[in-house]
Amino acid sequence: MIILGMVAADATEIHIAGYLRSVVRETGHPKREPLDARSAAISLWHTAKVALVRDAAERVLNETPSATRSDEDSLSHWVASRLLSADELEKFERDAEAEQ
């Protein structure tokens, strides 16, 4: 949610790369392989931007007046629903519920 919020607030991939580097510094992970924060940030930025554009388009098509809807998918669930198989998505959703 942090990255989605950053993109919604017009952060650039450079800002996201800086955030990713700070997370690596705080957590100490990954230890052996250097994080290519810029490439990861570019990918995350584009994924988040697509999600925001999709949500805006759905609001326009559905004529939803509010910019926020309570039934919106989180970015992680939206991405998971497009990338995972049905079984993998079910496990992802169970794991997410267990964490709450």
N, C-alpha and C. Protein backbone atom coordinates (compact mmCIF):
# COMPACT_ATOMS: atom_id res chain seq x y z
N MET A 1 0.81 -1.18 0.00
CA MET A 1 0.00 0.00 0.00
C MET A 1 0.86 1.26 0.00
N ILE A 2 2.03 1.19 0.57
CA ILE A 2 2.89 2.38 0.63
C ILE A 2 3.26 2.81 -0.78
N ILE A 3 3.66 1.87 -1.61
CA ILE A 3 4.09 2.22 -2.97
C ILE A 3 2.91 2.74 -3.77
N LEU A 4 1.75 2.11 -3.63
CA LEU A 4 0.57 2.60 -4.34
C LEU A 4 0.25 4.02 -3.91
N GLY A 5 0.34 4.30 -2.62
CA GLY A 5 0.11 5.65 -2.12
C GLY A 5 1.13 6.64 -2.66
N MET A 6 2.38 6.20 -2.74
CA MET A 6 3.43 7.08 -3.28
C MET A 6 3.13 7.43 -4.74
N VAL A 7 2.75 6.42 -5.53
CA VAL A 7 2.45 6.66 -6.94
C VAL A 7 1.22 7.56 -7.07
N ALA A 8 0.21 7.32 -6.24
CA ALA A 8 -0.99 8.16 -6.28
C ALA A 8 -0.66 9.60 -5.93
N ALA A 9 0.38 9.80 -5.13
CA ALA A 9 0.81 11.15 -4.76
C ALA A 9 1.86 11.70 -5.71
N ASP A 10 1.98 11.09 -6.89
CA ASP A 10 2.89 11.54 -7.96
C ASP A 10 4.37 11.34 -7.66
N ALA A 11 4.70 10.32 -6.87
CA ALA A 11 6.10 9.98 -6.67
C ALA A 11 6.64 9.39 -7.98
N THR A 12 7.92 9.60 -8.24
CA THR A 12 8.55 9.04 -9.43
C THR A 12 9.19 7.70 -9.06
N GLU A 13 9.68 7.00 -10.08
CA GLU A 13 10.36 5.73 -9.78
C GLU A 13 11.63 5.97 -8.98
N ILE A 14 12.20 7.15 -9.08
CA ILE A 14 13.39 7.48 -8.29
C ILE A 14 13.02 7.55 -6.81
N HIS A 15 11.86 8.13 -6.49
CA HIS A 15 11.40 8.15 -5.10
C HIS A 15 11.15 6.74 -4.59
N ILE A 16 10.57 5.91 -5.43
CA ILE A 16 10.28 4.52 -5.04
C ILE A 16 11.59 3.76 -4.84
N ALA A 17 12.56 3.98 -5.72
CA ALA A 17 13.86 3.33 -5.56
C ALA A 17 14.49 3.73 -4.23
N GLY A 18 14.39 4.99 -3.87
CA GLY A 18 14.91 5.45 -2.59
C GLY A 18 14.21 4.78 -1.42
N TYR A 19 12.90 4.62 -1.53
CA TYR A 19 12.14 3.92 -0.49
C TYR A 19 12.60 2.47 -0.39
N LEU A 20 12.75 1.80 -1.53
CA LEU A 20 13.19 0.40 -1.52
C LEU A 20 14.57 0.27 -0.89
N ARG A 21 15.46 1.19 -1.20
CA ARG A 21 16.80 1.17 -0.59
C ARG A 21 16.71 1.35 0.92
N SER A 22 15.82 2.22 1.37
CA SER A 22 15.68 2.42 2.82
C SER A 22 15.14 1.17 3.50
N VAL A 23 14.24 0.45 2.83
CA VAL A 23 13.72 -0.80 3.38
C VAL A 23 14.85 -1.82 3.49
N VAL A 24 15.70 -1.89 2.46
CA VAL A 24 16.83 -2.82 2.49
C VAL A 24 17.77 -2.46 3.64
N ARG A 25 18.04 -1.17 3.82
CA ARG A 25 18.92 -0.75 4.91
C ARG A 25 18.34 -1.12 6.27
N GLU A 26 17.03 -0.92 6.43
CA GLU A 26 16.38 -1.20 7.71
C GLU A 26 16.30 -2.69 8.01
N THR A 27 16.01 -3.48 7.00
CA THR A 27 15.80 -4.92 7.22
C THR A 27 17.06 -5.73 7.01
N GLY A 28 18.01 -5.22 6.24
CA GLY A 28 19.22 -5.96 5.96
C GLY A 28 19.03 -7.05 4.91
N HIS A 29 17.92 -6.99 4.17
CA HIS A 29 17.65 -7.99 3.13
C HIS A 29 17.55 -7.30 1.79
N PRO A 30 18.00 -7.83 0.72
CA PRO A 30 18.73 -9.09 0.60
C PRO A 30 20.17 -8.92 1.07
N LYS A 31 20.74 -9.99 1.61
CA LYS A 31 22.09 -9.92 2.17
C LYS A 31 23.17 -10.13 1.11
N ARG A 32 22.99 -11.13 0.27
CA ARG A 32 24.06 -11.46 -0.69
C ARG A 32 23.92 -10.75 -2.02
N GLU A 33 22.75 -10.79 -2.59
CA GLU A 33 22.55 -10.20 -3.91
C GLU A 33 22.21 -8.72 -3.76
N PRO A 34 22.89 -7.84 -4.46
CA PRO A 34 22.52 -6.43 -4.35
C PRO A 34 21.15 -6.18 -4.99
N LEU A 35 20.37 -5.38 -4.35
CA LEU A 35 19.04 -5.03 -4.85
C LEU A 35 19.18 -4.06 -6.01
N ASP A 36 18.59 -4.39 -7.13
CA ASP A 36 18.54 -3.45 -8.24
C ASP A 36 17.30 -2.60 -8.04
N ALA A 37 17.41 -1.65 -7.13
CA ALA A 37 16.26 -0.86 -6.70
C ALA A 37 15.64 -0.09 -7.86
N ARG A 38 16.44 0.40 -8.76
CA ARG A 38 15.89 1.20 -9.87
C ARG A 38 15.00 0.36 -10.77
N SER A 39 15.45 -0.84 -11.16
CA SER A 39 14.62 -1.71 -12.00
C SER A 39 13.35 -2.13 -11.28
N ALA A 40 13.49 -2.50 -10.01
CA ALA A 40 12.33 -2.90 -9.23
C ALA A 40 11.36 -1.73 -9.10
N ALA A 41 11.89 -0.54 -8.86
CA ALA A 41 11.05 0.64 -8.69
C ALA A 41 10.29 0.97 -9.98
N ILE A 42 10.96 0.84 -11.10
CA ILE A 42 10.29 1.11 -12.39
C ILE A 42 9.13 0.14 -12.59
N SER A 43 9.37 -1.13 -12.30
CA SER A 43 8.31 -2.14 -12.44
C SER A 43 7.16 -1.87 -11.49
N LEU A 44 7.47 -1.59 -10.24
CA LEU A 44 6.42 -1.31 -9.26
C LEU A 44 5.65 -0.04 -9.60
N TRP A 45 6.36 0.99 -10.05
CA TRP A 45 5.70 2.24 -10.40
C TRP A 45 4.69 2.01 -11.52
N HIS A 46 5.12 1.29 -12.57
CA HIS A 46 4.22 1.06 -13.70
C HIS A 46 3.03 0.19 -13.29
N THR A 47 3.27 -0.80 -12.46
CA THR A 47 2.17 -1.66 -12.00
C THR A 47 1.17 -0.85 -11.19
N ALA A 48 1.67 -0.03 -10.28
CA ALA A 48 0.77 0.80 -9.47
C ALA A 48 0.03 1.82 -10.32
N LYS A 49 0.71 2.42 -11.28
CA LYS A 49 0.07 3.43 -12.14
C LYS A 49 -1.04 2.78 -12.97
N VAL A 50 -0.79 1.58 -13.48
CA VAL A 50 -1.83 0.87 -14.24
C VAL A 50 -3.04 0.60 -13.35
N ALA A 51 -2.78 0.19 -12.10
CA ALA A 51 -3.89 -0.07 -11.18
C ALA A 51 -4.70 1.19 -10.93
N LEU A 52 -4.03 2.31 -10.74
CA LEU A 52 -4.73 3.57 -10.51
C LEU A 52 -5.52 4.01 -11.74
N VAL A 53 -4.94 3.85 -12.91
CA VAL A 53 -5.64 4.22 -14.15
C VAL A 53 -6.85 3.31 -14.35
N ARG A 54 -6.66 2.01 -14.08
CA ARG A 54 -7.78 1.06 -14.20
C ARG A 54 -8.90 1.47 -13.26
N ASP A 55 -8.57 1.79 -12.01
CA ASP A 55 -9.59 2.17 -11.04
C ASP A 55 -10.32 3.44 -11.48
N ALA A 56 -9.58 4.40 -11.99
CA ALA A 56 -10.19 5.65 -12.47
C ALA A 56 -11.12 5.36 -13.66
N ALA A 57 -10.68 4.51 -14.57
CA ALA A 57 -11.51 4.16 -15.73
C ALA A 57 -12.78 3.44 -15.29
N GLU A 58 -12.66 2.54 -14.32
CA GLU A 58 -13.85 1.85 -13.83
C GLU A 58 -14.83 2.82 -13.18
N ARG A 59 -14.31 3.80 -12.43
CA ARG A 59 -15.19 4.80 -11.81
C ARG A 59 -15.92 5.60 -12.89
N VAL A 60 -15.21 5.98 -13.93
CA VAL A 60 -15.83 6.75 -15.01
C VAL A 60 -16.88 5.90 -15.72
N LEU A 61 -16.53 4.65 -16.03
CA LEU A 61 -17.47 3.78 -16.72
C LEU A 61 -18.70 3.45 -15.87
N ASN A 62 -18.49 3.31 -14.58
CA ASN A 62 -19.60 2.99 -13.68
C ASN A 62 -20.26 4.25 -13.11
N GLU A 63 -19.72 5.41 -13.46
CA GLU A 63 -20.20 6.70 -12.96
C GLU A 63 -20.26 6.73 -11.44
N THR A 64 -19.21 6.19 -10.83
CA THR A 64 -19.09 6.21 -9.37
C THR A 64 -18.58 7.58 -8.97
N PRO A 65 -19.33 8.33 -8.19
CA PRO A 65 -18.91 9.70 -7.87
C PRO A 65 -17.72 9.79 -6.92
N SER A 66 -17.57 8.82 -6.03
CA SER A 66 -16.51 8.90 -5.03
C SER A 66 -15.19 8.37 -5.59
N ALA A 67 -14.09 9.01 -5.20
CA ALA A 67 -12.76 8.56 -5.64
C ALA A 67 -12.31 7.33 -4.87
N THR A 68 -12.92 7.05 -3.74
CA THR A 68 -12.56 5.87 -2.96
C THR A 68 -13.78 4.99 -2.78
N ARG A 69 -13.54 3.71 -2.96
CA ARG A 69 -14.61 2.74 -2.75
C ARG A 69 -14.13 1.75 -1.70
N SER A 70 -15.03 1.32 -0.87
CA SER A 70 -14.63 0.42 0.21
C SER A 70 -14.37 -0.99 -0.31
N ASP A 71 -14.86 -1.33 -1.50
CA ASP A 71 -14.68 -2.69 -2.00
C ASP A 71 -13.49 -2.81 -2.96
N GLU A 72 -12.65 -1.80 -3.02
CA GLU A 72 -11.50 -1.84 -3.92
C GLU A 72 -10.51 -2.91 -3.49
N ASP A 73 -9.92 -3.58 -4.46
CA ASP A 73 -8.84 -4.52 -4.20
C ASP A 73 -7.60 -3.77 -3.78
N SER A 74 -6.83 -4.40 -2.91
CA SER A 74 -5.51 -3.85 -2.64
C SER A 74 -4.66 -4.13 -3.88
N LEU A 75 -3.58 -3.40 -4.01
CA LEU A 75 -2.70 -3.61 -5.16
C LEU A 75 -2.18 -5.03 -5.18
N SER A 76 -1.79 -5.55 -4.01
CA SER A 76 -1.24 -6.90 -3.98
C SER A 76 -2.27 -7.94 -4.40
N HIS A 77 -3.54 -7.76 -3.99
CA HIS A 77 -4.57 -8.71 -4.40
C HIS A 77 -4.88 -8.57 -5.89
N TRP A 78 -4.91 -7.34 -6.37
CA TRP A 78 -5.18 -7.12 -7.79
C TRP A 78 -4.10 -7.79 -8.65
N VAL A 79 -2.83 -7.59 -8.28
CA VAL A 79 -1.74 -8.20 -9.04
C VAL A 79 -1.81 -9.72 -8.92
N ALA A 80 -2.04 -10.22 -7.71
CA ALA A 80 -2.11 -11.66 -7.50
C ALA A 80 -3.23 -12.28 -8.33
N SER A 81 -4.38 -11.61 -8.42
CA SER A 81 -5.50 -12.16 -9.17
C SER A 81 -5.21 -12.25 -10.67
N ARG A 82 -4.26 -11.45 -11.14
CA ARG A 82 -3.91 -11.49 -12.55
C ARG A 82 -2.75 -12.43 -12.86
N LEU A 83 -1.95 -12.75 -11.84
CA LEU A 83 -0.75 -13.55 -12.07
C LEU A 83 -0.84 -14.99 -11.58
N LEU A 84 -1.65 -15.24 -10.57
CA LEU A 84 -1.68 -16.56 -9.95
C LEU A 84 -2.78 -17.43 -10.53
N SER A 85 -2.57 -18.73 -10.43
CA SER A 85 -3.62 -19.67 -10.81
C SER A 85 -4.72 -19.61 -9.75
N ALA A 86 -5.85 -20.24 -10.03
CA ALA A 86 -6.96 -20.21 -9.07
C ALA A 86 -6.55 -20.80 -7.72
N ASP A 87 -5.81 -21.91 -7.75
CA ASP A 87 -5.36 -22.54 -6.50
C ASP A 87 -4.38 -21.65 -5.76
N GLU A 88 -3.45 -21.04 -6.48
CA GLU A 88 -2.47 -20.16 -5.86
C GLU A 88 -3.15 -18.92 -5.28
N LEU A 89 -4.15 -18.38 -5.99
CA LEU A 89 -4.87 -17.21 -5.50
C LEU A 89 -5.63 -17.55 -4.22
N GLU A 90 -6.25 -18.72 -4.19
CA GLU A 90 -6.97 -19.15 -3.00
C GLU A 90 -6.03 -19.23 -1.79
N LYS A 91 -4.84 -19.80 -1.99
CA LYS A 91 -3.85 -19.89 -0.92
C LYS A 91 -3.40 -18.49 -0.50
N PHE A 92 -3.17 -17.61 -1.47
CA PHE A 92 -2.78 -16.22 -1.19
C PHE A 92 -3.82 -15.53 -0.32
N GLU A 93 -5.10 -15.70 -0.66
CA GLU A 93 -6.18 -15.08 0.09
C GLU A 93 -6.29 -15.66 1.50
N ARG A 94 -6.11 -16.99 1.63
CA ARG A 94 -6.12 -17.62 2.97
C ARG A 94 -4.99 -17.08 3.83
N ASP A 95 -3.80 -16.97 3.23
CA ASP A 95 -2.65 -16.46 3.97
C ASP A 95 -2.87 -15.00 4.40
N ALA A 96 -3.48 -14.21 3.51
CA ALA A 96 -3.74 -12.81 3.84
C ALA A 96 -4.75 -12.69 4.98
N GLU A 97 -5.77 -13.54 4.99
CA GLU A 97 -6.75 -13.53 6.07
C GLU A 97 -6.11 -13.95 7.38
N ALA A 98 -5.21 -14.92 7.32
CA ALA A 98 -4.53 -15.40 8.53
C ALA A 98 -3.66 -14.32 9.15
N GLU A 99 -3.09 -13.45 8.33
CA GLU A 99 -2.22 -12.38 8.81
C GLU A 99 -3.01 -11.27 9.50
N GLN A 100 -4.29 -11.16 9.19
CA GLN A 100 -5.09 -10.06 9.76
C GLN A 100 -5.54 -10.39 11.10
